[in-house]
Protein backbone atom coordinates (compact mmCIF):
# COMPACT_ATOMS: atom_id res chain seq x y z
CA MET A 1 -56.15 72.30 66.42
CA LYS A 2 -56.32 68.80 67.83
CA ARG A 3 -59.61 68.53 65.88
CA PHE A 4 -57.76 69.71 62.76
CA PHE A 5 -55.08 67.19 63.11
CA SER A 6 -57.68 64.51 63.75
CA SER A 7 -59.42 65.27 60.54
CA TYR A 8 -56.19 65.50 58.74
CA LEU A 9 -55.25 61.94 60.08
CA VAL A 10 -58.57 60.42 59.11
CA VAL A 11 -58.01 61.77 55.42
CA ILE A 12 -54.64 60.27 55.12
CA ILE A 13 -55.92 56.89 56.51
CA ALA A 14 -58.74 56.85 54.09
CA THR A 15 -56.59 57.84 51.31
CA PHE A 16 -54.08 55.08 51.90
CA LEU A 17 -56.87 52.52 52.21
CA LEU A 18 -58.29 53.60 49.07
CA LEU A 19 -54.84 53.44 47.25
CA LEU A 20 -54.51 49.98 48.83
CA VAL A 21 -57.94 48.79 47.36
CA LEU A 22 -57.10 50.18 43.89
CA TYR A 23 -53.68 48.33 44.23
CA PHE A 24 -55.53 45.11 44.49
CA ILE A 25 -58.33 45.85 42.13
CA TYR A 26 -56.22 47.39 39.50
CA PRO A 27 -55.21 44.30 37.58
CA VAL A 28 -59.05 43.20 37.36
CA TYR A 29 -60.75 46.43 36.69
CA PHE A 30 -58.44 49.24 35.18
CA LEU A 31 -56.71 47.58 32.60
CA PRO A 32 -57.58 48.37 28.91
CA LYS A 33 -60.65 46.28 27.88
CA ASN A 34 -58.68 44.32 25.46
CA ASN A 35 -56.34 43.07 28.41
CA THR A 36 -59.18 42.22 30.88
CA GLU A 37 -61.04 39.95 28.47
CA ASN A 38 -60.19 36.42 29.56
CA THR A 39 -58.52 35.00 26.14
CA PHE A 40 -57.61 31.79 27.75
CA PHE A 41 -60.99 30.28 28.03
CA LYS A 42 -64.11 29.65 25.81
CA LYS A 43 -67.57 28.83 27.13
CA ASN A 44 -67.02 25.14 25.77
CA ASP A 45 -63.22 25.01 26.54
CA SER A 46 -62.30 21.48 27.74
CA THR A 47 -59.26 22.51 29.34
CA ILE A 48 -58.92 23.89 32.79
CA ARG A 49 -55.98 26.00 33.59
CA VAL A 50 -54.46 25.63 36.81
CA LEU A 51 -51.59 27.55 38.54
CA LEU A 52 -49.99 25.56 41.14
CA ASN A 53 -47.28 26.69 43.79
CA PHE A 54 -44.23 24.47 43.77
CA HIS A 55 -44.22 23.14 47.30
CA ALA A 56 -42.65 19.97 49.06
CA SER A 57 -45.79 18.52 49.92
CA ASP A 58 -48.10 19.71 46.92
CA TYR A 59 -46.02 19.21 43.88
CA PHE A 60 -42.81 17.43 43.07
CA ILE A 61 -41.11 14.62 41.18
CA TYR A 62 -40.27 11.36 42.48
CA LYS A 63 -38.66 8.81 40.45
CA GLY A 64 -39.62 10.27 37.32
CA THR A 65 -43.21 10.76 38.23
CA PRO A 66 -45.03 14.09 39.46
CA ILE A 67 -46.82 13.49 42.82
CA GLY A 68 -48.05 15.83 45.72
CA PHE A 69 -51.11 16.30 47.63
CA GLN A 70 -52.67 19.15 45.54
CA TYR A 71 -51.37 17.65 42.27
CA ASP A 72 -53.20 14.32 43.08
CA LEU A 73 -56.53 16.26 44.21
CA LEU A 74 -56.35 18.01 40.71
CA LYS A 75 -55.78 14.75 38.69
CA GLU A 76 -58.78 13.27 40.39
CA PHE A 77 -60.92 16.09 39.48
CA GLU A 78 -59.54 15.67 35.95
CA LYS A 79 -60.73 11.96 35.92
CA THR A 80 -64.34 12.90 37.19
CA SER A 81 -64.89 16.11 35.16
CA GLY A 82 -63.66 14.72 31.76
CA LYS A 83 -61.72 17.96 31.27
CA LYS A 84 -57.92 18.26 30.51
CA ILE A 85 -55.97 19.77 33.72
CA ASP A 86 -53.34 22.26 32.20
CA ILE A 87 -50.91 22.77 35.16
CA THR A 88 -48.33 25.58 35.43
CA VAL A 89 -46.12 25.25 38.32
CA CYS A 90 -44.36 28.47 39.82
CA SER A 91 -42.01 28.66 42.78
CA SER A 92 -42.42 32.37 43.43
CA PHE A 93 -45.19 33.40 45.92
CA ASP A 94 -45.28 36.89 44.81
CA SER A 95 -45.83 35.87 40.89
CA ILE A 96 -48.61 33.51 41.74
CA TYR A 97 -50.06 36.10 44.30
CA LYS A 98 -50.37 38.74 41.57
CA GLU A 99 -52.25 36.35 39.25
CA LEU A 100 -55.00 36.00 41.88
CA PHE A 101 -56.62 39.12 40.59
CA LYS A 102 -56.21 38.70 36.88
CA ASN A 103 -58.45 35.92 35.91
CA ASN A 104 -55.99 34.15 33.80
CA TYR A 105 -56.59 30.71 35.47
CA ASP A 106 -59.52 28.54 36.46
CA ILE A 107 -57.96 27.69 39.54
CA ILE A 108 -55.05 28.77 41.54
CA ALA A 109 -53.71 26.52 44.24
CA LEU A 110 -52.18 29.10 46.83
CA ASP A 111 -52.24 29.38 50.40
CA PHE A 112 -52.10 33.02 51.64
CA ARG A 113 -53.63 35.33 54.31
CA ARG A 114 -57.19 36.30 53.75
CA TRP A 115 -58.14 39.83 54.91
CA GLY A 116 -61.00 42.28 54.27
CA LEU A 117 -59.54 44.41 51.49
CA VAL A 118 -58.64 41.42 49.43
CA THR A 119 -61.12 38.52 49.80
CA PRO A 120 -64.13 40.41 48.61
CA PHE A 121 -62.71 40.44 45.10
CA LEU A 122 -61.78 36.72 45.22
CA GLU A 123 -63.96 33.59 44.75
CA PHE A 124 -62.76 30.60 46.92
CA SER A 125 -63.74 26.91 46.53
CA LEU A 126 -64.94 24.82 49.31
CA PRO A 127 -62.06 23.92 51.57
CA HIS A 128 -60.05 20.84 50.35
CA SER A 129 -58.12 20.41 53.50
CA PHE A 130 -57.01 22.04 56.59
CA SER A 131 -53.70 23.11 58.05
CA LYS A 132 -51.99 25.37 60.93
CA PRO A 133 -48.84 27.11 61.83
CA VAL A 134 -46.50 25.12 64.07
CA LEU A 135 -43.14 25.85 65.76
CA ILE A 136 -40.34 23.58 64.93
CA SER A 137 -37.16 23.34 66.80
CA ARG A 138 -34.31 20.92 67.63
CA LYS A 139 -35.21 17.61 69.96
CA ASP A 140 -32.01 18.42 72.06
CA LEU A 141 -32.71 22.05 72.56
CA ALA A 142 -34.18 23.19 75.67
CA LEU A 143 -37.05 25.69 75.79
CA ASN A 144 -36.17 28.47 78.19
CA LYS A 145 -39.22 30.72 78.70
CA ASP A 146 -37.18 33.41 80.29
CA THR A 147 -34.62 33.96 77.52
CA LEU A 148 -35.12 35.99 74.28
CA LYS A 149 -35.39 33.71 71.31
CA ASN A 150 -35.44 34.35 67.40
CA VAL A 151 -38.12 32.47 65.45
CA HIS A 152 -37.44 32.60 61.79
CA VAL A 153 -40.52 33.06 59.65
CA PRO A 154 -40.33 33.01 55.75
CA ASN A 155 -40.89 36.32 54.40
CA ASP A 156 -44.01 35.02 52.31
CA TYR A 157 -45.68 33.18 55.31
CA HIS A 158 -49.20 33.50 54.81
CA HIS A 159 -51.33 32.78 58.00
CA PHE A 160 -51.92 34.43 61.30
CA LEU A 161 -49.83 33.65 64.03
CA TYR A 162 -50.37 33.98 68.07
CA ILE A 163 -48.13 36.93 68.23
CA LYS A 164 -49.16 38.03 71.73
CA GLU A 165 -48.49 34.37 72.81
CA LEU A 166 -45.43 34.11 71.14
CA LYS A 167 -43.90 37.32 72.69
CA GLN A 168 -45.03 36.24 76.06
CA GLN A 169 -42.81 33.35 75.80
CA LYS A 170 -39.91 35.63 74.82
CA PHE A 171 -40.11 34.74 71.06
CA ASN A 172 -38.95 37.36 68.61
CA LEU A 173 -40.08 37.08 65.02
CA VAL A 174 -37.52 37.14 62.43
CA TYR A 175 -38.96 37.49 58.78
CA GLN A 176 -36.42 35.83 56.15
CA LYS A 177 -36.27 37.31 52.72
CA GLU A 178 -33.64 35.04 51.50
CA TYR A 179 -34.72 31.52 52.64
CA SER A 180 -37.67 29.31 51.84
CA SER A 181 -39.39 26.92 54.56
CA GLU A 182 -37.35 24.09 53.26
CA GLU A 183 -34.21 26.13 53.57
CA LEU A 184 -35.00 27.06 56.98
CA PHE A 185 -35.07 23.38 57.91
CA ASP A 186 -31.48 22.80 56.89
CA LEU A 187 -30.29 25.90 58.81
CA LEU A 188 -32.18 24.67 61.84
CA GLN A 189 -30.61 21.16 61.62
CA ASP A 190 -27.17 22.74 60.93
CA LYS A 191 -27.73 24.71 64.34
CA GLU A 192 -27.52 27.92 62.59
CA ILE A 193 -30.94 28.90 63.67
CA ASP A 194 -33.02 27.65 66.85
CA TYR A 195 -36.66 27.99 65.75
CA LEU A 196 -38.84 28.22 62.73
CA VAL A 197 -42.45 28.54 61.89
CA CYS A 198 -44.07 26.60 58.98
CA ASP A 199 -47.28 25.01 58.10
CA TYR A 200 -48.24 21.67 59.72
CA ASN A 201 -48.73 19.81 56.27
CA LEU A 202 -45.20 20.79 55.35
CA ALA A 203 -43.77 19.90 58.69
CA VAL A 204 -45.01 16.38 58.46
CA THR A 205 -43.74 16.03 55.09
CA LEU A 206 -40.32 17.11 55.95
CA LEU A 207 -39.58 15.96 59.57
CA PRO A 208 -39.00 12.21 58.66
CA PHE A 209 -35.84 13.45 56.79
CA TYR A 210 -34.70 15.69 59.76
CA SER A 211 -34.66 13.23 62.56
CA THR A 212 -33.07 15.93 65.05
CA LEU A 213 -36.07 18.04 64.66
CA LYS A 214 -39.75 18.00 65.98
CA ILE A 215 -42.74 20.11 66.28
CA ILE A 216 -42.96 22.07 69.71
CA ASP A 217 -46.40 23.67 69.48
CA LYS A 218 -49.26 25.13 67.57
CA VAL A 219 -48.35 28.92 67.31
CA GLY A 220 -51.53 30.04 65.18
CA PRO A 221 -55.34 28.98 64.40
CA GLU A 222 -56.20 26.25 62.12
CA TYR A 223 -57.15 27.60 58.59
CA GLU A 224 -59.02 26.52 55.63
CA ARG A 225 -56.97 25.40 52.39
CA SER A 226 -59.14 26.34 49.24
CA TRP A 227 -58.62 26.98 45.72
CA VAL A 228 -58.98 30.49 44.29
CA LEU A 229 -61.48 30.13 41.55
CA ASN A 230 -62.12 32.35 38.24
CA LYS A 231 -65.24 34.48 38.88
CA LYS A 232 -66.33 34.39 35.40
CA ASN A 233 -66.67 30.60 35.43
CA THR A 234 -69.91 30.26 37.17
CA GLU A 235 -70.87 26.75 36.07
CA LEU A 236 -67.49 25.41 36.29
CA ASN A 237 -67.04 26.75 39.80
CA HIS A 238 -70.39 25.04 40.88
CA GLN A 239 -69.00 21.82 39.39
CA ILE A 240 -65.52 22.23 41.44
CA ASN A 241 -67.63 22.89 44.44
CA ASP A 242 -69.83 19.90 44.00
CA TRP A 243 -66.94 17.59 43.42
CA LEU A 244 -65.08 18.70 46.28
CA TYR A 245 -68.01 18.22 48.56
CA ASN A 246 -68.73 14.81 47.29
CA PHE A 247 -65.02 13.70 47.01
CA MET A 248 -64.14 14.53 50.71
CA LYS A 249 -66.49 11.93 51.62
CA THR A 250 -64.88 9.04 49.75
CA LYS A 251 -62.24 6.59 50.67
CA ARG A 252 -59.91 7.72 47.89
CA TYR A 253 -59.87 11.24 49.55
CA THR A 254 -58.93 9.65 52.87
CA SER A 255 -56.33 7.60 51.00
CA ILE A 256 -54.54 10.91 49.54
CA ILE A 257 -54.83 12.50 53.05
CA ASN A 258 -52.90 9.47 54.61
CA LYS A 259 -50.68 9.20 51.74
CA TYR A 260 -49.07 12.67 52.36
CA PHE A 261 -49.88 13.59 55.86
CA SER A 262 -49.69 10.39 57.98
CA SER A 263 -46.50 9.52 59.78
CA ARG A 264 -46.90 6.08 58.47
CA SER A 265 -47.14 7.13 54.84
CA THR A 266 -44.49 5.52 52.37
CA VAL A 267 -44.56 8.68 50.65
CA ILE A 268 -43.33 10.65 53.37
CA ASN A 269 -40.93 8.00 54.49
CA GLY A 270 -39.39 7.32 51.24
CA THR A 271 -39.64 10.23 48.64
CA PHE A 272 -39.04 13.63 50.26
CA THR A 273 -35.17 13.88 49.84
CA LYS A 274 -33.42 17.01 48.91
CA SER A 275 -32.06 15.18 45.76
CA LYS A 276 -35.30 14.02 44.54
CA ARG A 277 -36.65 17.46 44.57
CA HIS A 278 -33.88 19.06 42.48
CA THR A 279 -33.09 16.17 40.01
CA ILE A 280 -35.24 13.97 37.58
CA SER A 281 -32.82 11.26 37.59
CA PRO A 282 -29.02 10.18 38.36
CA TYR A 283 -28.37 10.66 34.77
CA ASP A 284 -29.65 14.23 34.06
CA ALA A 285 -25.96 15.75 33.19
CA ILE A 286 -25.43 12.90 30.59
CA ILE A 287 -28.95 13.13 29.17
CA LYS A 288 -28.33 16.89 28.83
CA LYS A 289 -25.12 16.41 27.21
CA TYR A 290 -26.12 14.38 24.41
CA ALA A 291 -29.82 15.70 23.92
CA THR A 292 -28.11 19.16 23.18
CA GLN A 293 -25.91 17.75 20.52
CA TYR A 294 -29.03 16.57 18.77
CA ASN A 295 -31.25 19.54 19.51
CA ILE A 296 -33.77 17.37 21.34
CA ASP A 297 -35.43 18.30 24.61
CA TRP A 298 -33.51 16.35 27.48
CA ARG A 299 -36.76 16.34 29.52
CA PHE A 300 -38.20 14.12 26.70
CA ILE A 301 -35.49 11.64 26.80
CA ALA A 302 -35.74 11.61 30.40
CA ALA A 303 -39.32 10.72 30.09
CA ILE A 304 -38.84 8.09 27.67
CA MET A 305 -35.79 6.62 29.93
CA TYR A 306 -38.14 6.54 32.86
CA GLN A 307 -40.92 4.60 30.84
CA GLU A 308 -38.34 2.12 29.69
CA SER A 309 -36.33 1.46 32.75
CA LYS A 310 -37.44 3.63 35.62
CA PHE A 311 -33.72 4.90 35.60
CA GLU A 312 -32.59 1.50 36.67
CA ALA A 313 -29.38 0.25 34.71
CA GLY A 314 -28.72 -3.18 33.64
CA LEU A 315 -32.34 -4.25 33.15
CA LEU A 316 -32.98 -7.07 30.57
CA GLY A 317 -36.38 -7.03 28.98
CA LEU A 318 -38.84 -8.79 26.67
CA GLY A 319 -37.01 -9.96 23.32
CA GLY A 320 -33.47 -9.01 24.79
CA SER A 321 -34.01 -5.35 25.32
CA TYR A 322 -31.44 -3.99 27.66
CA GLY A 323 -30.23 -1.22 29.71
CA LEU A 324 -31.49 2.10 30.55
CA MET A 325 -33.07 2.96 27.07
CA GLN A 326 -34.12 -0.91 26.68
CA MET A 327 -32.78 -0.90 23.31
CA MET A 328 -33.49 -4.16 21.19
CA PRO A 329 -30.10 -6.17 20.31
CA GLU A 330 -30.25 -5.44 16.65
CA THR A 331 -30.72 -1.67 17.46
CA MET A 332 -28.18 -1.62 19.87
CA ASN A 333 -25.78 -3.43 17.20
CA ASN A 334 -26.82 -0.48 14.67
CA PHE A 335 -25.81 2.06 17.18
CA GLY A 336 -22.53 0.41 18.24
CA ILE A 337 -23.32 -0.71 21.83
CA ASP A 338 -24.12 -3.96 23.53
CA GLU A 339 -24.77 -5.31 27.33
CA ASN A 340 -21.20 -4.48 28.01
CA SER A 341 -21.59 -1.01 27.28
CA GLY A 342 -21.61 1.63 30.02
CA GLU A 343 -24.51 3.94 31.07
CA GLU A 344 -23.02 6.98 29.13
CA ALA A 345 -22.69 4.91 25.98
CA GLN A 346 -26.34 3.68 26.30
CA ILE A 347 -27.65 7.02 26.89
CA ALA A 348 -25.76 8.55 23.86
CA ALA A 349 -27.17 5.70 21.59
CA GLY A 350 -30.87 5.96 22.95
CA VAL A 351 -30.72 9.91 22.29
CA LYS A 352 -29.31 9.25 18.68
CA TYR A 353 -32.03 6.84 18.10
CA VAL A 354 -34.67 9.23 19.09
CA TYR A 355 -33.20 11.67 16.94
CA ARG A 356 -33.38 9.33 14.07
CA ILE A 357 -36.97 8.50 14.80
CA ALA A 358 -37.89 12.29 14.91
CA LYS A 359 -36.35 12.77 11.49
CA SER A 360 -38.96 10.48 10.00
CA PHE A 361 -41.86 12.81 11.12
CA ASP A 362 -40.35 16.29 10.21
CA ASN A 363 -43.52 16.83 8.13
CA ILE A 364 -45.51 17.27 11.60
CA THR A 365 -45.26 20.75 12.52
CA ASP A 366 -47.07 20.55 15.86
CA LEU A 367 -44.52 19.69 18.45
CA LYS A 368 -46.87 17.73 20.87
CA GLU A 369 -48.49 15.65 17.96
CA LYS A 370 -44.88 14.98 16.95
CA LEU A 371 -43.91 13.63 20.43
CA HIS A 372 -46.67 11.10 20.41
CA PHE A 373 -45.32 9.72 17.07
CA ILE A 374 -41.72 9.59 18.41
CA ALA A 375 -42.64 8.01 21.68
CA ALA A 376 -44.99 5.45 20.09
CA SER A 377 -42.26 4.71 17.42
CA TYR A 378 -39.66 4.16 20.10
CA ASN A 379 -41.96 1.54 21.72
CA ALA A 380 -43.63 -0.02 18.57
CA GLY A 381 -40.91 0.65 15.74
CA ARG A 382 -41.41 3.13 13.13
CA GLY A 383 -42.78 0.60 10.76
CA HIS A 384 -46.05 0.18 12.63
CA ILE A 385 -46.63 3.96 13.08
CA LEU A 386 -45.96 4.33 9.23
CA ASP A 387 -48.39 1.65 8.57
CA ALA A 388 -51.10 3.53 10.64
CA GLN A 389 -50.37 6.71 8.76
CA ARG A 390 -50.89 5.04 5.48
CA LEU A 391 -54.30 3.48 6.66
CA CYS A 392 -55.17 7.20 7.80
CA GLU A 393 -54.46 8.50 4.28
CA LYS A 394 -56.34 5.47 2.58
CA TYR A 395 -59.47 6.18 4.78
CA GLN A 396 -58.93 10.08 3.81
CA GLU A 397 -58.03 11.05 7.48
CA ASN A 398 -55.36 13.39 8.71
CA SER A 399 -52.19 11.31 8.88
CA THR A 400 -50.28 14.04 10.93
CA GLN A 401 -52.85 13.83 13.77
CA TRP A 402 -52.16 11.46 16.43
CA THR A 403 -55.86 10.95 17.24
CA CYS A 404 -56.31 9.60 13.92
CA VAL A 405 -53.01 7.64 13.35
CA SER A 406 -53.49 5.91 16.98
CA LYS A 407 -56.86 4.86 15.97
CA TYR A 408 -55.57 2.68 13.09
CA LEU A 409 -52.38 1.69 15.04
CA ILE A 410 -54.99 -0.05 17.45
CA LEU A 411 -56.92 -1.52 14.45
CA LYS A 412 -53.78 -3.06 13.29
CA SER A 413 -54.58 -5.93 15.84
CA LYS A 414 -57.52 -6.86 13.42
CA LYS A 415 -56.97 -9.19 10.44
CA GLU A 416 -58.84 -6.69 8.16
CA TYR A 417 -56.24 -3.97 8.76
CA ALA A 418 -53.26 -5.96 9.33
CA ASN A 419 -53.71 -7.59 5.81
CA ASP A 420 -54.33 -4.52 4.18
CA PRO A 421 -52.22 -3.85 0.96
CA VAL A 422 -50.75 -0.47 2.48
CA VAL A 423 -49.73 -2.15 5.70
CA LYS A 424 -45.85 -3.32 5.30
CA SER A 425 -45.26 -4.49 8.84
CA GLY A 426 -48.18 -6.81 9.46
CA PHE A 427 -50.07 -7.44 12.67
CA PHE A 428 -49.56 -5.35 15.69
CA PRO A 429 -51.41 -5.00 19.10
CA GLY A 430 -51.33 -1.22 19.10
CA LYS A 431 -53.18 -0.32 22.29
CA GLN A 432 -50.04 -0.72 24.51
CA ALA A 433 -48.04 1.50 22.16
CA VAL A 434 -50.70 4.31 22.28
CA LYS A 435 -50.89 4.15 26.14
CA TYR A 436 -47.00 4.17 26.16
CA ALA A 437 -46.96 7.52 24.02
CA ALA A 438 -49.68 9.14 26.19
CA GLU A 439 -47.78 8.34 29.54
CA VAL A 440 -44.37 9.58 28.02
CA VAL A 441 -45.93 12.82 26.70
CA GLU A 442 -47.74 13.44 29.98
CA ARG A 443 -44.42 12.77 32.03
CA PHE A 444 -42.60 15.09 29.78
CA GLU A 445 -45.05 17.88 30.41
CA ALA A 446 -44.85 17.30 34.07
CA TYR A 447 -40.91 17.60 33.83
CA LEU A 448 -41.52 20.85 31.85
CA LEU A 449 -43.36 22.21 34.79
CA MET A 450 -40.80 21.24 37.17
CA TYR A 451 -37.86 22.26 35.29
CA PRO A 452 -38.73 25.06 32.95
């Protein structure tokens, strides 16, 4: 009878393990063929699709600009590889975890626990950094080793802990389904909990803003932080690993590490406030109010405002441009404002001005193309952009493609083109306007990721 039950138990365990394996393999191998083919990538595709976990130390917006350790790392790779990095940011651990097995992205930047039934089906990059689990508590809380203590752990916490050692010190692990690591820091500071577990890289990021908290001890082994790579991209994966191997030896890599993980970092000591993580600017509500009236994406207005004033009111710029939107005196007069107008009036006028510019390019149906035209016009004036379009048409090029139009906008600094009969607004040094448009659109795309 015992032998029967032992055999029965072995069958049950084997069946369970098989089902578990199928669960993880299923998205890759058992979907219909037309779904398993990776439609996102072509052999010569110059875009690298990245899925990035929204994390206080890896990706966030500061003063209108996206920064973060993994974000900076990816942008450095973009510079070297010559490929465009297309980043999707997601705050749901479960959603990103499911993507690991679908090959829809070239790179997935997610820290998670590696174990035998999962890792054989994944391909990892070389480690780009290292971290470890740490125990956090308040500075004024005495550690009593004889009293049972609850340690709060985020439900999606991904790495191994020294469970035996924690139990010996009378720590009871409480897994939190409702709270993220960042939210647990608030609860700890407010004395609603006494202990929490998080990663070292997150701890050094947040502790400067929680002066009453400290790291007590390491509570798990150090682990490698790596990217999950698409197994189909053999050549690209080699390129990524070669780049990581060489880049981690550079001063630039050391600079990024110090920027985010050094206690002396100006980023750590000046950027990781809760308000900065949840808003783009102090004027978000006002921007949304007027952008909605004109059916314009408020994040695009915010990107222009940052480019113009970095959200600082009262600035006086070149040629008398003024305020949050840096409108010129004549333009301000056309929209009924002046230097004495309040911030809401300035924003309302700026949104209306962007709307009027946009109407000039209604024949451009590709939104991203159109945004370049609008941003460049806001910087240079519509006249110069229209000149560049006419030059495109004269030389039989596409006047609705920004790559063509920007070329002639830059050429308007040369006498040959500035004096062309089709040019109505004359000479213009267009390089700055082209750079301006690129930066506005890139920032807008970052805002889209942060605030979808």
